[in-house]
Amino acid sequence: MKIIEYLSLLILGAVFLFSAIGKILDPELFFQDVLAYEIFPRTIAIAGVLFIPWLEFFCAIGLFIPYFRKESALIISCLNIFFIIIISIALIKGVKSSCGCFGAFSEEISFTAILRDVLFLALSLFVYLRS
């Protein structure tokens, strides 16, 4: 079981670190992606663009620090639930845009993105419960 736990930590940490860095390096692109969802007003979008990537970054690092692992996994779980909800809303609305998940490496909003986030949610809950 330890191997599965370590793999979960490694995958989750790497994915959220990669995601955060892409958004931190190009906040304008992330801002445009957030606006394209047509869900948030500009002021909320600006706050999210400034806050979420750094939250992802510190939580990804926190996964590798035993003292912060449980809290980091819980926050990542909450982020994944949030991402699943907003991508679902965008899909229902018929939004055709980049998901903004990985900066310049983001794919279009799709059901696949929701499935990916469900997988990350399962991994983060597993890490949370094992910590």
C-alpha atoms as a PDB file:
ATOM      1  CA  MET A   1       0.000   0.000   0.000  1.00  0.00           C
ATOM      2  CA  LYS A   2       2.942   2.340   0.623  1.00  0.00           C
ATOM      3  CA  ILE A   3       3.921   2.168  -3.058  1.00  0.00           C
ATOM      4  CA  ILE A   4       0.428   3.287  -4.101  1.00  0.00           C
ATOM      5  CA  GLU A   5       0.571   6.076  -1.541  1.00  0.00           C
ATOM      6  CA  TYR A   6       3.961   7.307  -2.796  1.00  0.00           C
ATOM      7  CA  LEU A   7       2.860   7.100  -6.435  1.00  0.00           C
ATOM      8  CA  SER A   8      -0.293   9.054  -5.584  1.00  0.00           C
ATOM      9  CA  LEU A   9       1.801  11.723  -3.856  1.00  0.00           C
ATOM     10  CA  LEU A  10       4.229  11.900  -6.748  1.00  0.00           C
ATOM     11  CA  ILE A  11       1.541  12.121  -9.439  1.00  0.00           C
ATOM     12  CA  LEU A  12      -0.595  14.623  -7.556  1.00  0.00           C
ATOM     13  CA  GLY A  13       2.348  16.781  -6.526  1.00  0.00           C
ATOM     14  CA  ALA A  14       3.851  16.811 -10.015  1.00  0.00           C
ATOM     15  CA  VAL A  15       0.545  17.590 -11.713  1.00  0.00           C
ATOM     16  CA  PHE A  16      -0.357  20.442  -9.367  1.00  0.00           C
ATOM     17  CA  LEU A  17       3.162  21.860  -9.462  1.00  0.00           C
ATOM     18  CA  PHE A  18       3.153  21.775 -13.268  1.00  0.00           C
ATOM     19  CA  SER A  19      -0.310  23.316 -13.337  1.00  0.00           C
ATOM     20  CA  ALA A  20       0.624  26.087 -10.915  1.00  0.00           C
ATOM     21  CA  ILE A  21       3.855  27.019 -12.668  1.00  0.00           C
ATOM     22  CA  GLY A  22       2.127  27.285 -16.049  1.00  0.00           C
ATOM     23  CA  LYS A  23      -0.439  29.695 -14.602  1.00  0.00           C
ATOM     24  CA  ILE A  24       2.104  31.683 -12.581  1.00  0.00           C
ATOM     25  CA  LEU A  25       4.339  32.190 -15.632  1.00  0.00           C
ATOM     26  CA  ASP A  26       1.476  33.382 -17.840  1.00  0.00           C
ATOM     27  CA  PRO A  27      -1.239  34.969 -15.687  1.00  0.00           C
ATOM     28  CA  GLU A  28      -2.697  36.850 -18.676  1.00  0.00           C
ATOM     29  CA  LEU A  29      -3.414  33.592 -20.515  1.00  0.00           C
ATOM     30  CA  PHE A  30      -4.944  32.114 -17.370  1.00  0.00           C
ATOM     31  CA  PHE A  31      -7.056  35.265 -16.923  1.00  0.00           C
ATOM     32  CA  GLN A  32      -8.379  34.988 -20.487  1.00  0.00           C
ATOM     33  CA  ASP A  33      -9.194  31.297 -19.915  1.00  0.00           C
ATOM     34  CA  VAL A  34     -11.068  32.108 -16.695  1.00  0.00           C
ATOM     35  CA  LEU A  35     -13.053  34.883 -18.395  1.00  0.00           C
ATOM     36  CA  ALA A  36     -13.951  32.513 -21.250  1.00  0.00           C
ATOM     37  CA  TYR A  37     -15.882  30.321 -18.793  1.00  0.00           C
ATOM     38  CA  GLU A  38     -18.422  33.178 -18.618  1.00  0.00           C
ATOM     39  CA  ILE A  39     -19.093  32.366 -14.955  1.00  0.00           C
ATOM     40  CA  PHE A  40     -17.111  34.889 -12.929  1.00  0.00           C
ATOM     41  CA  PRO A  41     -17.139  38.700 -12.958  1.00  0.00           C
ATOM     42  CA  ARG A  42     -13.782  40.311 -13.807  1.00  0.00           C
ATOM     43  CA  THR A  43     -12.959  41.194 -10.188  1.00  0.00           C
ATOM     44  CA  ILE A  44     -13.496  37.606  -9.028  1.00  0.00           C
ATOM     45  CA  ALA A  45     -11.540  36.319 -12.030  1.00  0.00           C
ATOM     46  CA  ILE A  46      -8.614  38.608 -11.191  1.00  0.00           C
ATOM     47  CA  ALA A  47      -8.615  37.448  -7.571  1.00  0.00           C
ATOM     48  CA  GLY A  48      -8.743  33.810  -8.670  1.00  0.00           C
ATOM     49  CA  VAL A  49      -5.939  34.241 -11.181  1.00  0.00           C
ATOM     50  CA  LEU A  50      -3.727  35.774  -8.512  1.00  0.00           C
ATOM     51  CA  PHE A  51      -4.641  33.310  -5.753  1.00  0.00           C
ATOM     52  CA  ILE A  52      -5.339  29.843  -7.204  1.00  0.00           C
ATOM     53  CA  PRO A  53      -1.970  29.180  -8.899  1.00  0.00           C
ATOM     54  CA  TRP A  54      -0.075  30.010  -5.704  1.00  0.00           C
ATOM     55  CA  LEU A  55      -2.458  27.871  -3.656  1.00  0.00           C
ATOM     56  CA  GLU A  56      -1.828  24.988  -6.075  1.00  0.00           C
ATOM     57  CA  PHE A  57       1.924  25.608  -5.889  1.00  0.00           C
ATOM     58  CA  PHE A  58       2.141  25.598  -2.086  1.00  0.00           C
ATOM     59  CA  CYS A  59      -0.205  22.636  -1.743  1.00  0.00           C
ATOM     60  CA  ALA A  60       1.844  20.652  -4.270  1.00  0.00           C
ATOM     61  CA  ILE A  61       4.971  21.362  -2.211  1.00  0.00           C
ATOM     62  CA  GLY A  62       3.043  20.644   1.002  1.00  0.00           C
ATOM     63  CA  LEU A  63       2.239  17.124  -0.200  1.00  0.00           C
ATOM     64  CA  PHE A  64       5.933  16.275   0.136  1.00  0.00           C
ATOM     65  CA  ILE A  65       6.223  17.664   3.666  1.00  0.00           C
ATOM     66  CA  PRO A  66       4.654  15.173   6.102  1.00  0.00           C
ATOM     67  CA  TYR A  67       3.552  17.926   8.501  1.00  0.00           C
ATOM     68  CA  PHE A  68       1.506  19.637   5.750  1.00  0.00           C
ATOM     69  CA  ARG A  69       0.457  16.589   3.717  1.00  0.00           C
ATOM     70  CA  LYS A  70      -3.042  16.075   5.116  1.00  0.00           C
ATOM     71  CA  GLU A  71      -4.052  19.739   4.828  1.00  0.00           C
ATOM     72  CA  SER A  72      -2.536  20.048   1.362  1.00  0.00           C
ATOM     73  CA  ALA A  73      -4.410  16.965   0.166  1.00  0.00           C
ATOM     74  CA  LEU A  74      -7.661  18.329   1.596  1.00  0.00           C
ATOM     75  CA  ILE A  75      -7.210  21.687  -0.149  1.00  0.00           C
ATOM     76  CA  ILE A  76      -6.343  19.930  -3.417  1.00  0.00           C
ATOM     77  CA  SER A  77      -9.494  17.831  -3.009  1.00  0.00           C
ATOM     78  CA  CYS A  78     -11.559  21.005  -2.604  1.00  0.00           C
ATOM     79  CA  LEU A  79      -9.870  22.568  -5.629  1.00  0.00           C
ATOM     80  CA  ASN A  80     -10.695  19.500  -7.710  1.00  0.00           C
ATOM     81  CA  ILE A  81     -14.344  19.642  -6.665  1.00  0.00           C
ATOM     82  CA  PHE A  82     -14.381  23.324  -7.642  1.00  0.00           C
ATOM     83  CA  PHE A  83     -12.734  22.559 -11.011  1.00  0.00           C
ATOM     84  CA  ILE A  84     -15.217  19.748 -11.711  1.00  0.00           C
ATOM     85  CA  ILE A  85     -18.124  22.094 -10.990  1.00  0.00           C
ATOM     86  CA  ILE A  86     -16.904  24.989 -13.135  1.00  0.00           C
ATOM     87  CA  ILE A  87     -15.909  22.782 -16.066  1.00  0.00           C
ATOM     88  CA  SER A  88     -19.320  21.102 -15.872  1.00  0.00           C
ATOM     89  CA  ILE A  89     -21.077  24.475 -15.899  1.00  0.00           C
ATOM     90  CA  ALA A  90     -18.995  25.592 -18.872  1.00  0.00           C
ATOM     91  CA  LEU A  91     -19.809  22.382 -20.749  1.00  0.00           C
ATOM     92  CA  ILE A  92     -23.522  22.800 -20.061  1.00  0.00           C
ATOM     93  CA  LYS A  93     -23.314  26.390 -21.303  1.00  0.00           C
ATOM     94  CA  GLY A  94     -21.543  25.203 -24.461  1.00  0.00           C
ATOM     95  CA  VAL A  95     -18.356  27.188 -23.833  1.00  0.00           C
ATOM     96  CA  LYS A  96     -15.647  26.383 -26.384  1.00  0.00           C
ATOM     97  CA  SER A  97     -12.361  27.463 -24.832  1.00  0.00           C
ATOM     98  CA  SER A  98      -9.192  26.253 -23.215  1.00  0.00           C
ATOM     99  CA  CYS A  99      -9.761  24.855 -19.731  1.00  0.00           C
ATOM    100  CA  GLY A 100      -6.824  26.877 -18.391  1.00  0.00           C
ATOM    101  CA  CYS A 101      -5.737  23.911 -16.294  1.00  0.00           C
ATOM    102  CA  PHE A 102      -2.106  23.784 -17.392  1.00  0.00           C
ATOM    103  CA  GLY A 103      -1.312  27.217 -18.762  1.00  0.00           C
ATOM    104  CA  ALA A 104      -0.130  27.059 -22.369  1.00  0.00           C
ATOM    105  CA  PHE A 105      -0.498  23.251 -22.304  1.00  0.00           C
ATOM    106  CA  SER A 106      -4.231  23.326 -21.532  1.00  0.00           C
ATOM    107  CA  GLU A 107      -6.738  21.455 -23.650  1.00  0.00           C
ATOM    108  CA  GLU A 108     -10.251  22.493 -24.595  1.00  0.00           C
ATOM    109  CA  ILE A 109     -12.998  22.253 -21.994  1.00  0.00           C
ATOM    110  CA  SER A 110     -14.340  18.711 -22.269  1.00  0.00           C
ATOM    111  CA  PHE A 111     -15.798  15.762 -20.458  1.00  0.00           C
ATOM    112  CA  THR A 112     -12.270  14.307 -20.457  1.00  0.00           C
ATOM    113  CA  ALA A 113     -11.110  17.232 -18.314  1.00  0.00           C
ATOM    114  CA  ILE A 114     -13.857  16.392 -15.813  1.00  0.00           C
ATOM    115  CA  LEU A 115     -12.791  12.738 -15.726  1.00  0.00           C
ATOM    116  CA  ARG A 116      -9.185  13.788 -15.200  1.00  0.00           C
ATOM    117  CA  ASP A 117     -10.209  15.989 -12.272  1.00  0.00           C
ATOM    118  CA  VAL A 118     -12.287  13.150 -10.802  1.00  0.00           C
ATOM    119  CA  LEU A 119      -9.154  10.989 -10.924  1.00  0.00           C
ATOM    120  CA  PHE A 120      -7.145  13.735  -9.206  1.00  0.00           C
ATOM    121  CA  LEU A 121      -9.920  14.066  -6.626  1.00  0.00           C
ATOM    122  CA  ALA A 122      -9.722  10.330  -5.916  1.00  0.00           C
ATOM    123  CA  LEU A 123      -5.922  10.538  -5.566  1.00  0.00           C
ATOM    124  CA  SER A 124      -6.107  13.552  -3.266  1.00  0.00           C
ATOM    125  CA  LEU A 125      -8.766  11.931  -1.071  1.00  0.00           C
ATOM    126  CA  PHE A 126      -6.651   8.779  -0.906  1.00  0.00           C
ATOM    127  CA  VAL A 127      -3.634  10.828   0.231  1.00  0.00           C
ATOM    128  CA  TYR A 128      -5.802  12.731   2.714  1.00  0.00           C
ATOM    129  CA  LEU A 129      -7.195   9.540   4.245  1.00  0.00           C
ATOM    130  CA  ARG A 130      -3.753   7.867   4.391  1.00  0.00           C
ATOM    131  CA  SER A 131      -2.073  10.871   6.056  1.00  0.00           C
END
